PDB file of N, CA and C in Angstrom:
ATOM      1  N   UNK A   1     -68.890 154.846-150.155  1.00  0.00           N
ATOM      2  CA  UNK A   1     -68.892 153.402-150.100  1.00  0.00           C
ATOM      3  C   UNK A   1     -67.467 152.870-149.921  1.00  0.00           C
ATOM      4  N   UNK A   2     -66.527 153.491-150.622  1.00  0.00           N
ATOM      5  CA  UNK A   2     -65.131 153.068-150.523  1.00  0.00           C
ATOM      6  C   UNK A   2     -64.621 153.306-149.101  1.00  0.00           C
ATOM      7  N   UNK A   3     -65.002 154.444-148.515  1.00  0.00           N
ATOM      8  CA  UNK A   3     -64.564 154.752-147.152  1.00  0.00           C
ATOM      9  C   UNK A   3     -65.105 153.723-146.165  1.00  0.00           C
ATOM     10  N   UNK A   4     -66.325 153.284-146.351  1.00  0.00           N
ATOM     11  CA  UNK A   4     -66.922 152.273-145.476  1.00  0.00           C
ATOM     12  C   UNK A   4     -66.170 150.948-145.585  1.00  0.00           C
ATOM     13  N   UNK A   5     -65.848 150.543-146.783  1.00  0.00           N
ATOM     14  CA  UNK A   5     -65.113 149.289-147.001  1.00  0.00           C
ATOM     15  C   UNK A   5     -63.716 149.380-146.396  1.00  0.00           C
ATOM     16  N   UNK A   6     -63.040 150.502-146.631  1.00  0.00           N
ATOM     17  CA  UNK A   6     -61.703 150.673-146.052  1.00  0.00           C
ATOM     18  C   UNK A   6     -61.763 150.677-144.528  1.00  0.00           C
ATOM     19  N   UNK A   7     -62.784 151.312-143.963  1.00  0.00           N
ATOM     20  CA  UNK A   7     -62.946 151.315-142.515  1.00  0.00           C
ATOM     21  C   UNK A   7     -63.111 149.916-141.958  1.00  0.00           C
ATOM     22  N   UNK A   8     -63.913 149.103-142.599  1.00  0.00           N
ATOM     23  CA  UNK A   8     -64.112 147.713-142.167  1.00  0.00           C
ATOM     24  C   UNK A   8     -62.815 146.930-142.270  1.00  0.00           C
ATOM     25  N   UNK A   9     -62.071 147.135-143.357  1.00  0.00           N
ATOM     26  CA  UNK A   9     -60.794 146.429-143.538  1.00  0.00           C
ATOM     27  C   UNK A   9     -59.803 146.830-142.446  1.00  0.00           C
ATOM     28  N   UNK A  10     -59.706 148.125-142.147  1.00  0.00           N
ATOM     29  CA  UNK A  10     -58.773 148.577-141.107  1.00  0.00           C
ATOM     30  C   UNK A  10     -59.164 148.062-139.728  1.00  0.00           C
ATOM     31  N   UNK A  11     -60.450 148.044-139.417  1.00  0.00           N
ATOM     32  CA  UNK A  11     -60.896 147.505-138.129  1.00  0.00           C
ATOM     33  C   UNK A  11     -60.585 146.015-138.046  1.00  0.00           C
ATOM     34  N   UNK A  12     -60.822 145.282-139.127  1.00  0.00           N
ATOM     35  CA  UNK A  12     -60.523 143.844-139.137  1.00  0.00           C
ATOM     36  C   UNK A  12     -59.021 143.606-138.950  1.00  0.00           C
ATOM     37  N   UNK A  13     -58.180 144.403-139.601  1.00  0.00           N
ATOM     38  CA  UNK A  13     -56.736 144.254-139.429  1.00  0.00           C
ATOM     39  C   UNK A  13     -56.326 144.553-137.992  1.00  0.00           C
ATOM     40  N   UNK A  14     -56.930 145.576-137.404  1.00  0.00           N
ATOM     41  CA  UNK A  14     -56.597 145.932-136.024  1.00  0.00           C
ATOM     42  C   UNK A  14     -56.930 144.793-135.075  1.00  0.00           C
ATOM     43  N   UNK A  15     -58.095 144.215-135.235  1.00  0.00           N
ATOM     44  CA  UNK A  15     -58.479 143.085-134.385  1.00  0.00           C
ATOM     45  C   UNK A  15     -57.523 141.916-134.603  1.00  0.00           C
ATOM     46  N   UNK A  16     -57.202 141.627-135.857  1.00  0.00           N
ATOM     47  CA  UNK A  16     -56.271 140.541-136.170  1.00  0.00           C
ATOM     48  C   UNK A  16     -54.891 140.796-135.565  1.00  0.00           C
ATOM     49  N   UNK A  17     -54.443 142.050-135.588  1.00  0.00           N
ATOM     50  CA  UNK A  17     -53.103 142.380-135.104  1.00  0.00           C
ATOM     51  C   UNK A  17     -52.975 142.216-133.600  1.00  0.00           C
ATOM     52  N   UNK A  18     -54.022 142.478-132.831  1.00  0.00           N
ATOM     53  CA  UNK A  18     -53.909 142.408-131.378  1.00  0.00           C
ATOM     54  C   UNK A  18     -54.283 141.046-130.812  1.00  0.00           C
ATOM     55  N   UNK A  19     -54.755 140.136-131.640  1.00  0.00           N
ATOM     56  CA  UNK A  19     -55.071 138.793-131.156  1.00  0.00           C
ATOM     57  C   UNK A  19     -53.790 138.056-130.756  1.00  0.00           C
ATOM     58  N   UNK A  20     -53.903 137.088-129.836  1.00  0.00           N
ATOM     59  CA  UNK A  20     -52.709 136.361-129.377  1.00  0.00           C
ATOM     60  C   UNK A  20     -52.012 135.595-130.509  1.00  0.00           C
ATOM     61  N   UNK A  21     -50.769 135.217-130.238  1.00  0.00           N
ATOM     62  CA  UNK A  21     -49.968 134.469-131.209  1.00  0.00           C
ATOM     63  C   UNK A  21     -50.682 133.178-131.592  1.00  0.00           C
ATOM     64  N   UNK A  22     -50.532 132.789-132.816  1.00  0.00           N
ATOM     65  CA  UNK A  22     -51.188 131.592-133.328  1.00  0.00           C
ATOM     66  C   UNK A  22     -52.456 131.952-134.071  1.00  0.00           C
ATOM     67  N   UNK A  23     -53.144 132.975-133.597  1.00  0.00           N
ATOM     68  CA  UNK A  23     -54.359 133.446-134.264  1.00  0.00           C
ATOM     69  C   UNK A  23     -54.052 134.744-135.015  1.00  0.00           C
ATOM     70  N   UNK A  24     -53.350 135.643-134.354  1.00  0.00           N
ATOM     71  CA  UNK A  24     -53.070 136.954-134.943  1.00  0.00           C
ATOM     72  C   UNK A  24     -51.597 137.289-134.857  1.00  0.00           C
ATOM     73  N   UNK A  25     -51.292 138.563-134.852  1.00  0.00           N
ATOM     74  CA  UNK A  25     -49.906 139.024-134.843  1.00  0.00           C
ATOM     75  C   UNK A  25     -49.356 139.264-133.438  1.00  0.00           C
ATOM     76  N   UNK A  26     -50.215 139.250-132.425  1.00  0.00           N
ATOM     77  CA  UNK A  26     -49.831 139.427-131.017  1.00  0.00           C
ATOM     78  C   UNK A  26     -49.176 140.788-130.766  1.00  0.00           C
ATOM     79  N   UNK A  27     -49.732 141.827-131.323  1.00  0.00           N
ATOM     80  CA  UNK A  27     -49.231 143.179-131.108  1.00  0.00           C
ATOM     81  C   UNK A  27     -49.950 143.863-129.960  1.00  0.00           C
ATOM     82  N   UNK A  28     -50.722 143.141-129.199  1.00  0.00           N
ATOM     83  CA  UNK A  28     -51.530 143.720-128.132  1.00  0.00           C
ATOM     84  C   UNK A  28     -50.727 144.524-127.134  1.00  0.00           C
ATOM     85  N   UNK A  29     -49.600 143.973-126.663  1.00  0.00           N
ATOM     86  CA  UNK A  29     -48.786 144.697-125.680  1.00  0.00           C
ATOM     87  C   UNK A  29     -48.172 145.954-126.285  1.00  0.00           C
ATOM     88  N   UNK A  30     -47.809 145.900-127.559  1.00  0.00           N
ATOM     89  CA  UNK A  30     -47.270 147.089-128.225  1.00  0.00           C
ATOM     90  C   UNK A  30     -48.336 148.175-128.372  1.00  0.00           C
ATOM     91  N   UNK A  31     -49.556 147.776-128.654  1.00  0.00           N
ATOM     92  CA  UNK A  31     -50.652 148.738-128.780  1.00  0.00           C
ATOM     93  C   UNK A  31     -50.912 149.412-127.438  1.00  0.00           C
ATOM     94  N   UNK A  32     -50.933 148.634-126.358  1.00  0.00           N
ATOM     95  CA  UNK A  32     -51.140 149.194-125.023  1.00  0.00           C
ATOM     96  C   UNK A  32     -50.001 150.162-124.673  1.00  0.00           C
ATOM     97  N   UNK A  33     -48.770 149.796-124.986  1.00  0.00           N
ATOM     98  CA  UNK A  33     -47.626 150.661-124.715  1.00  0.00           C
ATOM     99  C   UNK A  33     -47.744 151.974-125.487  1.00  0.00           C
ATOM    100  N   UNK A  34     -48.158 151.890-126.736  1.00  0.00           N
ATOM    101  CA  UNK A  34     -48.361 153.093-127.542  1.00  0.00           C
ATOM    102  C   UNK A  34     -49.442 153.979-126.943  1.00  0.00           C
ATOM    103  N   UNK A  35     -50.555 153.389-126.536  1.00  0.00           N
ATOM    104  CA  UNK A  35     -51.643 154.167-125.946  1.00  0.00           C
ATOM    105  C   UNK A  35     -51.220 154.839-124.644  1.00  0.00           C
ATOM    106  N   UNK A  36     -50.413 154.133-123.840  1.00  0.00           N
ATOM    107  CA  UNK A  36     -49.916 154.730-122.606  1.00  0.00           C
ATOM    108  C   UNK A  36     -49.002 155.914-122.910  1.00  0.00           C
ATOM    109  N   UNK A  37     -48.215 155.818-123.952  1.00  0.00           N
ATOM    110  CA  UNK A  37     -47.283 156.879-124.306  1.00  0.00           C
ATOM    111  C   UNK A  37     -47.948 158.089-124.919  1.00  0.00           C
ATOM    112  N   UNK A  38     -48.993 157.872-125.701  1.00  0.00           N
ATOM    113  CA  UNK A  38     -49.604 159.006-126.401  1.00  0.00           C
ATOM    114  C   UNK A  38     -50.717 159.660-125.598  1.00  0.00           C
ATOM    115  N   UNK A  39     -51.182 159.056-124.516  1.00  0.00           N
ATOM    116  CA  UNK A  39     -52.284 159.628-123.744  1.00  0.00           C
ATOM    117  C   UNK A  39     -51.959 161.014-123.182  1.00  0.00           C
ATOM    118  N   UNK A  40     -50.799 161.239-122.556  1.00  0.00           N
ATOM    119  CA  UNK A  40     -50.515 162.596-122.055  1.00  0.00           C
ATOM    120  C   UNK A  40     -50.387 163.635-123.170  1.00  0.00           C
ATOM    121  N   UNK A  41     -49.794 163.246-124.269  1.00  0.00           N
ATOM    122  CA  UNK A  41     -49.643 164.173-125.395  1.00  0.00           C
ATOM    123  C   UNK A  41     -51.017 164.506-125.972  1.00  0.00           C
ATOM    124  N   UNK A  42     -51.861 163.507-126.117  1.00  0.00           N
ATOM    125  CA  UNK A  42     -53.212 163.728-126.631  1.00  0.00           C
ATOM    126  C   UNK A  42     -54.016 164.611-125.672  1.00  0.00           C
ATOM    127  N   UNK A  43     -53.883 164.378-124.372  1.00  0.00           N
ATOM    128  CA  UNK A  43     -54.589 165.200-123.390  1.00  0.00           C
ATOM    129  C   UNK A  43     -54.133 166.657-123.464  1.00  0.00           C
ATOM    130  N   UNK A  44     -52.838 166.891-123.624  1.00  0.00           N
ATOM    131  CA  UNK A  44     -52.326 168.250-123.745  1.00  0.00           C
ATOM    132  C   UNK A  44     -52.842 168.917-125.018  1.00  0.00           C
ATOM    133  N   UNK A  45     -52.887 168.175-126.101  1.00  0.00           N
ATOM    134  CA  UNK A  45     -53.378 168.707-127.375  1.00  0.00           C
ATOM    135  C   UNK A  45     -54.858 169.072-127.266  1.00  0.00           C
ATOM    136  N   UNK A  46     -55.659 168.203-126.689  1.00  0.00           N
ATOM    137  CA  UNK A  46     -57.089 168.474-126.525  1.00  0.00           C
ATOM    138  C   UNK A  46     -57.287 169.681-125.613  1.00  0.00           C
ATOM    139  N   UNK A  47     -56.488 169.788-124.554  1.00  0.00           N
ATOM    140  CA  UNK A  47     -56.571 170.942-123.666  1.00  0.00           C
ATOM    141  C   UNK A  47     -56.242 172.236-124.379  1.00  0.00           C
ATOM    142  N   UNK A  48     -55.211 172.230-125.199  1.00  0.00           N
ATOM    143  CA  UNK A  48     -54.830 173.421-125.957  1.00  0.00           C
ATOM    144  C   UNK A  48     -55.932 173.831-126.927  1.00  0.00           C
ATOM    145  N   UNK A  49     -56.486 172.878-127.626  1.00  0.00           N
ATOM    146  CA  UNK A  49     -57.577 173.166-128.561  1.00  0.00           C
ATOM    147  C   UNK A  49     -58.781 173.728-127.802  1.00  0.00           C
ATOM    148  N   UNK A  50     -59.082 173.178-126.633  1.00  0.00           N
ATOM    149  CA  UNK A  50     -60.207 173.664-125.832  1.00  0.00           C
ATOM    150  C   UNK A  50     -59.989 175.110-125.401  1.00  0.00           C
ATOM    151  N   UNK A  51     -58.772 175.441-125.010  1.00  0.00           N
ATOM    152  CA  UNK A  51     -58.459 176.816-124.619  1.00  0.00           C
ATOM    153  C   UNK A  51     -58.634 177.763-125.800  1.00  0.00           C
ATOM    154  N   UNK A  52     -58.148 177.377-126.963  1.00  0.00           N
ATOM    155  CA  UNK A  52     -58.281 178.228-128.150  1.00  0.00           C
ATOM    156  C   UNK A  52     -59.748 178.424-128.533  1.00  0.00           C
ATOM    157  N   UNK A  53     -60.548 177.372-128.437  1.00  0.00           N
ATOM    158  CA  UNK A  53     -61.973 177.489-128.736  1.00  0.00           C
ATOM    159  C   UNK A  53     -62.651 178.403-127.721  1.00  0.00           C
ATOM    160  N   UNK A  54     -62.276 178.285-126.451  1.00  0.00           N
ATOM    161  CA  UNK A  54     -62.847 179.146-125.416  1.00  0.00           C
ATOM    162  C   UNK A  54     -62.526 180.611-125.652  1.00  0.00           C
ATOM    163  N   UNK A  55     -61.294 180.900-126.027  1.00  0.00           N
ATOM    164  CA  UNK A  55     -60.897 182.285-126.312  1.00  0.00           C
ATOM    165  C   UNK A  55     -61.685 182.832-127.501  1.00  0.00           C
ATOM    166  N   UNK A  56     -61.829 182.026-128.543  1.00  0.00           N
ATOM    167  CA  UNK A  56     -62.593 182.465-129.716  1.00  0.00           C
ATOM    168  C   UNK A  56     -64.058 182.700-129.355  1.00  0.00           C
ATOM    169  N   UNK A  57     -64.611 181.886-128.476  1.00  0.00           N
ATOM    170  CA  UNK A  57     -65.999 182.051-128.048  1.00  0.00           C
ATOM    171  C   UNK A  57     -66.177 183.353-127.273  1.00  0.00           C
ATOM    172  N   UNK A  58     -65.234 183.658-126.398  1.00  0.00           N
ATOM    173  CA  UNK A  58     -65.303 184.907-125.635  1.00  0.00           C
ATOM    174  C   UNK A  58     -65.231 186.108-126.578  1.00  0.00           C
ATOM    175  N   UNK A  59     -64.357 186.055-127.569  1.00  0.00           N
ATOM    176  CA  UNK A  59     -64.252 187.153-128.536  1.00  0.00           C
ATOM    177  C   UNK A  59     -65.549 187.310-129.330  1.00  0.00           C
ATOM    178  N   UNK A  60     -66.157 186.195-129.728  1.00  0.00           N
ATOM    179  CA  UNK A  60     -67.417 186.255-130.473  1.00  0.00           C
ATOM    180  C   UNK A  60     -68.535 186.869-129.634  1.00  0.00           C
ATOM    181  N   UNK A  61     -68.593 186.515-128.350  1.00  0.00           N
ATOM    182  CA  UNK A  61     -69.626 187.079-127.476  1.00  0.00           C
ATOM    183  C   UNK A  61     -69.438 188.579-127.305  1.00  0.00           C
ATOM    184  N   UNK A  62     -68.191 189.028-127.147  1.00  0.00           N
ATOM    185  CA  UNK A  62     -67.927 190.461-127.027  1.00  0.00           C
ATOM    186  C   UNK A  62     -68.363 191.202-128.286  1.00  0.00           C
ATOM    187  N   UNK A  63     -68.035 190.634-129.440  1.00  0.00           N
ATOM    188  CA  UNK A  63     -68.402 191.268-130.710  1.00  0.00           C
ATOM    189  C   UNK A  63     -69.914 191.306-130.882  1.00  0.00           C
ATOM    190  N   UNK A  64     -70.608 190.250-130.480  1.00  0.00           N
ATOM    191  CA  UNK A  64     -72.067 190.223-130.594  1.00  0.00           C
ATOM    192  C   UNK A  64     -72.698 191.275-129.696  1.00  0.00           C
ATOM    193  N   UNK A  65     -72.187 191.437-128.470  1.00  0.00           N
ATOM    194  CA  UNK A  65     -72.714 192.473-127.574  1.00  0.00           C
ATOM    195  C   UNK A  65     -72.484 193.863-128.162  1.00  0.00           C
ATOM    196  N   UNK A  66     -71.310 194.062-128.772  1.00  0.00           N
ATOM    197  CA  UNK A  66     -70.994 195.355-129.372  1.00  0.00           C
ATOM    198  C   UNK A  66     -71.947 195.658-130.517  1.00  0.00           C
ATOM    199  N   UNK A  67     -72.230 194.653-131.354  1.00  0.00           N
ATOM    200  CA  UNK A  67     -73.156 194.837-132.471  1.00  0.00           C
ATOM    201  C   UNK A  67     -74.574 195.104-131.974  1.00  0.00           C
ATOM    202  N   UNK A  68     -74.989 194.421-130.904  1.00  0.00           N
ATOM    203  CA  UNK A  68     -76.322 194.657-130.343  1.00  0.00           C
ATOM    204  C   UNK A  68     -76.426 196.073-129.792  1.00  0.00           C
ATOM    205  N   UNK A  69     -75.371 196.549-129.150  1.00  0.00           N
ATOM    206  CA  UNK A  69     -75.375 197.910-128.618  1.00  0.00           C
ATOM    207  C   UNK A  69     -75.453 198.931-129.751  1.00  0.00           C
ATOM    208  N   UNK A  70     -74.736 198.682-130.835  1.00  0.00           N
ATOM    209  CA  UNK A  70     -74.779 199.585-131.983  1.00  0.00           C
ATOM    210  C   UNK A  70     -76.162 199.583-132.624  1.00  0.00           C
ATOM    211  N   UNK A  71     -76.775 198.406-132.697  1.00  0.00           N
ATOM    212  CA  UNK A  71     -78.117 198.320-133.278  1.00  0.00           C
ATOM    213  C   UNK A  71     -79.120 199.046-132.404  1.00  0.00           C
ATOM    214  N   UNK A  72     -78.993 198.915-131.089  1.00  0.00           N
ATOM    215  CA  UNK A  72     -79.910 199.604-130.179  1.00  0.00           C
ATOM    216  C   UNK A  72     -79.708 201.116-130.271  1.00  0.00           C
ATOM    217  N   UNK A  73     -78.475 201.557-130.393  1.00  0.00           N
ATOM    218  CA  UNK A  73     -78.199 202.987-130.517  1.00  0.00           C
ATOM    219  C   UNK A  73     -78.756 203.545-131.826  1.00  0.00           C
ATOM    220  N   UNK A  74     -78.668 202.798-132.890  1.00  0.00           N
ATOM    221  CA  UNK A  74     -79.189 203.265-134.175  1.00  0.00           C
ATOM    222  C   UNK A  74     -80.722 203.283-134.154  1.00  0.00           C
ATOM    223  N   UNK A  75     -81.334 202.378-133.395  1.00  0.00           N
ATOM    224  CA  UNK A  75     -82.788 202.358-133.254  1.00  0.00           C
ATOM    225  C   UNK A  75     -83.274 203.594-132.500  1.00  0.00           C
ATOM    226  N   UNK A  76     -82.527 203.990-131.479  1.00  0.00           N
ATOM    227  CA  UNK A  76     -82.897 205.145-130.669  1.00  0.00           C
ATOM    228  C   UNK A  76     -82.740 206.441-131.437  1.00  0.00           C
ATOM    229  N   UNK A  77     -81.799 206.498-132.373  1.00  0.00           N
ATOM    230  CA  UNK A  77     -81.526 207.718-133.135  1.00  0.00           C
ATOM    231  C   UNK A  77     -82.594 207.977-134.205  1.00  0.00           C
ATOM    232  N   UNK A  78     -83.352 206.967-134.549  1.00  0.00           N
ATOM    233  CA  UNK A  78     -84.357 207.137-135.606  1.00  0.00           C
ATOM    234  C   UNK A  78     -85.537 207.864-135.139  1.00  0.00           C
TER     235      UNK A  78
END
């Protein structure tokens, strides 16, 4: 419940901050500038995480095939 209330408060502050002067804080241009600056860094970070997840997935598939082969071999030996 506390997280929901804090989320609403932060969203309300964000809207208030980007509203034009006289109504809000007029930080809209600063927010856009920040988003333009962090977009390439965020894209690189997401790409790196995607590569790491892909590598882990390939390793898991190899291990699963190896375990299936071992199980099939043990079935044949019985």
